[in-house]
Amino acid sequence: MGRKTFIRITSLLLLIVTVICVVTGILKWPGLIPALGLTYRQVPVALITDLHDWSGLLMTVLVMVHIYQFRGFIRRMARTVIS
């Protein structure tokens, strides 16, 4: 697998888990479920919480991989901004 392919896969996975984390975070917003006219028995809150937690963990790992992949760019930009 080439470098560009690995970066594209990492970026796509990062996008997917970020969307999952954001959507489940919005669904977990306090008071949203009753405001939508639903009860907590109608919504799989435990599943939503698990998805939110695991996608957040995976997102953290993927962000670290992404930063590592672009470490040269980050280093060059930091030098440009600082100087």
N, C-alpha and C. Protein backbone atom coordinates (compact mmCIF):
# COMPACT_ATOMS: atom_id res chain seq x y z
N MET A 1 0.86 -1.17 0.00
CA MET A 1 0.00 0.00 0.00
C MET A 1 0.90 1.23 0.00
N GLY A 2 0.62 2.15 -0.89
CA GLY A 2 1.40 3.36 -1.00
C GLY A 2 1.03 4.39 0.06
N ARG A 3 1.89 5.40 0.17
CA ARG A 3 1.68 6.46 1.17
C ARG A 3 0.37 7.22 0.93
N LYS A 4 0.13 7.57 -0.35
CA LYS A 4 -1.10 8.32 -0.66
C LYS A 4 -2.35 7.51 -0.35
N THR A 5 -2.32 6.23 -0.65
CA THR A 5 -3.46 5.38 -0.37
C THR A 5 -3.71 5.29 1.12
N PHE A 6 -2.63 5.15 1.90
CA PHE A 6 -2.76 5.08 3.35
C PHE A 6 -3.32 6.38 3.92
N ILE A 7 -2.88 7.52 3.39
CA ILE A 7 -3.40 8.82 3.83
C ILE A 7 -4.88 8.94 3.49
N ARG A 8 -5.26 8.51 2.29
CA ARG A 8 -6.67 8.58 1.89
C ARG A 8 -7.55 7.70 2.77
N ILE A 9 -7.09 6.50 3.07
CA ILE A 9 -7.86 5.60 3.93
C ILE A 9 -8.00 6.20 5.32
N THR A 10 -6.89 6.72 5.85
CA THR A 10 -6.93 7.34 7.17
C THR A 10 -7.89 8.53 7.19
N SER A 11 -7.83 9.35 6.17
CA SER A 11 -8.72 10.53 6.10
C SER A 11 -10.18 10.12 5.99
N LEU A 12 -10.47 9.11 5.19
CA LEU A 12 -11.85 8.65 5.04
C LEU A 12 -12.38 8.06 6.35
N LEU A 13 -11.57 7.23 7.01
CA LEU A 13 -11.97 6.67 8.30
C LEU A 13 -12.17 7.78 9.34
N LEU A 14 -11.29 8.77 9.32
CA LEU A 14 -11.41 9.89 10.24
C LEU A 14 -12.72 10.66 10.01
N LEU A 15 -13.07 10.86 8.76
CA LEU A 15 -14.34 11.52 8.44
C LEU A 15 -15.53 10.71 8.94
N ILE A 16 -15.51 9.41 8.69
CA ILE A 16 -16.63 8.56 9.08
C ILE A 16 -16.81 8.54 10.60
N VAL A 17 -15.71 8.31 11.34
CA VAL A 17 -15.86 8.24 12.80
C VAL A 17 -16.19 9.60 13.41
N THR A 18 -15.74 10.68 12.77
CA THR A 18 -16.11 12.01 13.26
C THR A 18 -17.60 12.25 13.09
N VAL A 19 -18.15 11.88 11.95
CA VAL A 19 -19.59 12.03 11.72
C VAL A 19 -20.38 11.20 12.73
N ILE A 20 -19.95 9.96 12.95
CA ILE A 20 -20.64 9.10 13.93
C ILE A 20 -20.59 9.72 15.31
N CYS A 21 -19.41 10.22 15.71
CA CYS A 21 -19.25 10.83 17.03
C CYS A 21 -20.12 12.08 17.18
N VAL A 22 -20.16 12.91 16.16
CA VAL A 22 -20.96 14.13 16.22
C VAL A 22 -22.45 13.81 16.28
N VAL A 23 -22.91 12.91 15.43
CA VAL A 23 -24.34 12.57 15.38
C VAL A 23 -24.78 11.94 16.71
N THR A 24 -23.99 10.99 17.22
CA THR A 24 -24.37 10.37 18.49
C THR A 24 -24.26 11.36 19.64
N GLY A 25 -23.33 12.29 19.55
CA GLY A 25 -23.23 13.33 20.58
C GLY A 25 -24.45 14.23 20.59
N ILE A 26 -24.95 14.56 19.40
CA ILE A 26 -26.17 15.37 19.31
C ILE A 26 -27.36 14.59 19.86
N LEU A 27 -27.43 13.30 19.52
CA LEU A 27 -28.54 12.48 20.03
C LEU A 27 -28.50 12.33 21.55
N LYS A 28 -27.30 12.38 22.12
CA LYS A 28 -27.16 12.26 23.58
C LYS A 28 -27.39 13.59 24.30
N TRP A 29 -27.60 14.66 23.55
CA TRP A 29 -27.77 15.98 24.15
C TRP A 29 -28.90 15.93 25.18
N PRO A 30 -28.63 16.41 26.40
CA PRO A 30 -29.65 16.35 27.46
C PRO A 30 -30.95 17.07 27.06
N GLY A 31 -32.03 16.36 27.15
CA GLY A 31 -33.33 16.94 26.86
C GLY A 31 -33.77 16.87 25.41
N LEU A 32 -32.89 16.39 24.52
CA LEU A 32 -33.26 16.34 23.10
C LEU A 32 -34.31 15.26 22.83
N ILE A 33 -34.13 14.10 23.42
CA ILE A 33 -35.06 12.99 23.16
C ILE A 33 -36.48 13.36 23.59
N PRO A 34 -36.69 13.90 24.80
CA PRO A 34 -38.05 14.32 25.16
C PRO A 34 -38.55 15.48 24.29
N ALA A 35 -37.65 16.37 23.88
CA ALA A 35 -38.05 17.50 23.04
C ALA A 35 -38.54 17.01 21.67
N LEU A 36 -38.04 15.87 21.22
CA LEU A 36 -38.49 15.30 19.96
C LEU A 36 -39.77 14.49 20.11
N GLY A 37 -40.27 14.41 21.33
CA GLY A 37 -41.51 13.66 21.58
C GLY A 37 -41.28 12.18 21.75
N LEU A 38 -40.06 11.79 22.04
CA LEU A 38 -39.74 10.38 22.22
C LEU A 38 -39.49 10.08 23.69
N THR A 39 -39.55 8.80 24.03
CA THR A 39 -39.18 8.39 25.38
C THR A 39 -37.85 7.66 25.31
N TYR A 40 -37.19 7.55 26.45
CA TYR A 40 -35.90 6.87 26.48
C TYR A 40 -36.03 5.37 26.21
N ARG A 41 -37.22 4.82 26.36
CA ARG A 41 -37.45 3.41 26.03
C ARG A 41 -37.52 3.20 24.52
N GLN A 42 -37.88 4.23 23.78
CA GLN A 42 -37.99 4.12 22.33
C GLN A 42 -36.64 4.27 21.64
N VAL A 43 -35.67 4.86 22.32
CA VAL A 43 -34.37 5.16 21.72
C VAL A 43 -33.31 4.26 22.37
N PRO A 44 -32.46 3.61 21.57
CA PRO A 44 -31.42 2.75 22.15
C PRO A 44 -30.25 3.58 22.72
N VAL A 45 -30.47 4.16 23.88
CA VAL A 45 -29.50 5.07 24.47
C VAL A 45 -28.18 4.36 24.77
N ALA A 46 -28.23 3.13 25.22
CA ALA A 46 -26.99 2.39 25.53
C ALA A 46 -26.16 2.18 24.26
N LEU A 47 -26.81 1.84 23.17
CA LEU A 47 -26.12 1.66 21.90
C LEU A 47 -25.52 2.99 21.42
N ILE A 48 -26.30 4.05 21.52
CA ILE A 48 -25.82 5.37 21.11
C ILE A 48 -24.61 5.78 21.95
N THR A 49 -24.66 5.51 23.25
CA THR A 49 -23.55 5.85 24.14
C THR A 49 -22.30 5.04 23.78
N ASP A 50 -22.47 3.73 23.52
CA ASP A 50 -21.33 2.91 23.13
C ASP A 50 -20.73 3.37 21.81
N LEU A 51 -21.58 3.66 20.83
CA LEU A 51 -21.09 4.17 19.54
C LEU A 51 -20.33 5.47 19.72
N HIS A 52 -20.88 6.36 20.55
CA HIS A 52 -20.24 7.64 20.79
C HIS A 52 -18.87 7.47 21.45
N ASP A 53 -18.80 6.63 22.46
CA ASP A 53 -17.54 6.42 23.17
C ASP A 53 -16.48 5.78 22.28
N TRP A 54 -16.84 4.72 21.57
CA TRP A 54 -15.87 4.03 20.73
C TRP A 54 -15.45 4.86 19.52
N SER A 55 -16.38 5.59 18.93
CA SER A 55 -16.00 6.44 17.80
C SER A 55 -15.10 7.58 18.26
N GLY A 56 -15.33 8.08 19.47
CA GLY A 56 -14.44 9.11 20.02
C GLY A 56 -13.04 8.58 20.25
N LEU A 57 -12.93 7.36 20.76
CA LEU A 57 -11.61 6.73 20.96
C LEU A 57 -10.90 6.50 19.63
N LEU A 58 -11.63 5.95 18.67
CA LEU A 58 -11.05 5.70 17.35
C LEU A 58 -10.66 7.01 16.67
N MET A 59 -11.48 8.03 16.83
CA MET A 59 -11.17 9.33 16.25
C MET A 59 -9.86 9.87 16.83
N THR A 60 -9.66 9.71 18.14
CA THR A 60 -8.43 10.17 18.78
C THR A 60 -7.21 9.46 18.18
N VAL A 61 -7.31 8.15 18.01
CA VAL A 61 -6.20 7.39 17.42
C VAL A 61 -5.94 7.85 15.98
N LEU A 62 -7.00 8.01 15.22
CA LEU A 62 -6.84 8.42 13.82
C LEU A 62 -6.29 9.83 13.70
N VAL A 63 -6.65 10.71 14.61
CA VAL A 63 -6.08 12.07 14.60
C VAL A 63 -4.58 12.00 14.86
N MET A 64 -4.17 11.15 15.80
CA MET A 64 -2.73 11.01 16.07
C MET A 64 -2.00 10.45 14.85
N VAL A 65 -2.59 9.47 14.17
CA VAL A 65 -2.00 8.92 12.95
C VAL A 65 -1.93 10.00 11.88
N HIS A 66 -2.98 10.78 11.74
CA HIS A 66 -3.04 11.85 10.75
C HIS A 66 -1.96 12.90 11.01
N ILE A 67 -1.79 13.28 12.26
CA ILE A 67 -0.75 14.24 12.62
C ILE A 67 0.62 13.67 12.29
N TYR A 68 0.82 12.38 12.58
CA TYR A 68 2.10 11.73 12.26
C TYR A 68 2.34 11.73 10.75
N GLN A 69 1.29 11.47 9.97
CA GLN A 69 1.43 11.45 8.52
C GLN A 69 1.84 12.81 7.97
N PHE A 70 1.38 13.87 8.59
CA PHE A 70 1.66 15.22 8.10
C PHE A 70 2.64 15.97 8.98
N ARG A 71 3.49 15.23 9.70
CA ARG A 71 4.43 15.85 10.62
C ARG A 71 5.39 16.80 9.91
N GLY A 72 5.83 16.46 8.71
CA GLY A 72 6.72 17.34 7.95
C GLY A 72 6.05 18.66 7.61
N PHE A 73 4.82 18.59 7.14
CA PHE A 73 4.07 19.79 6.80
C PHE A 73 3.84 20.65 8.03
N ILE A 74 3.48 20.01 9.13
CA ILE A 74 3.23 20.74 10.38
C ILE A 74 4.51 21.43 10.84
N ARG A 75 5.64 20.72 10.76
CA ARG A 75 6.93 21.28 11.16
C ARG A 75 7.28 22.49 10.29
N ARG A 76 7.12 22.35 8.97
CA ARG A 76 7.44 23.47 8.06
C ARG A 76 6.54 24.67 8.32
N MET A 77 5.25 24.43 8.52
CA MET A 77 4.33 25.55 8.76
C MET A 77 4.63 26.23 10.10
N ALA A 78 4.98 25.44 11.10
CA ALA A 78 5.31 26.03 12.40
C ALA A 78 6.54 26.92 12.29
N ARG A 79 7.55 26.47 11.55
CA ARG A 79 8.74 27.30 11.33
C ARG A 79 8.40 28.58 10.58
N THR A 80 7.53 28.48 9.59
CA THR A 80 7.13 29.65 8.82
C THR A 80 6.39 30.64 9.69
N VAL A 81 5.49 30.17 10.51
CA VAL A 81 4.69 31.05 11.36
C VAL A 81 5.55 31.67 12.45
N ILE A 82 6.45 30.90 13.02
CA ILE A 82 7.29 31.41 14.12
C ILE A 82 8.32 32.42 13.60
N SER A 83 8.86 32.20 12.43
CA SER A 83 9.90 33.12 11.94
C SER A 83 9.36 34.38 11.32
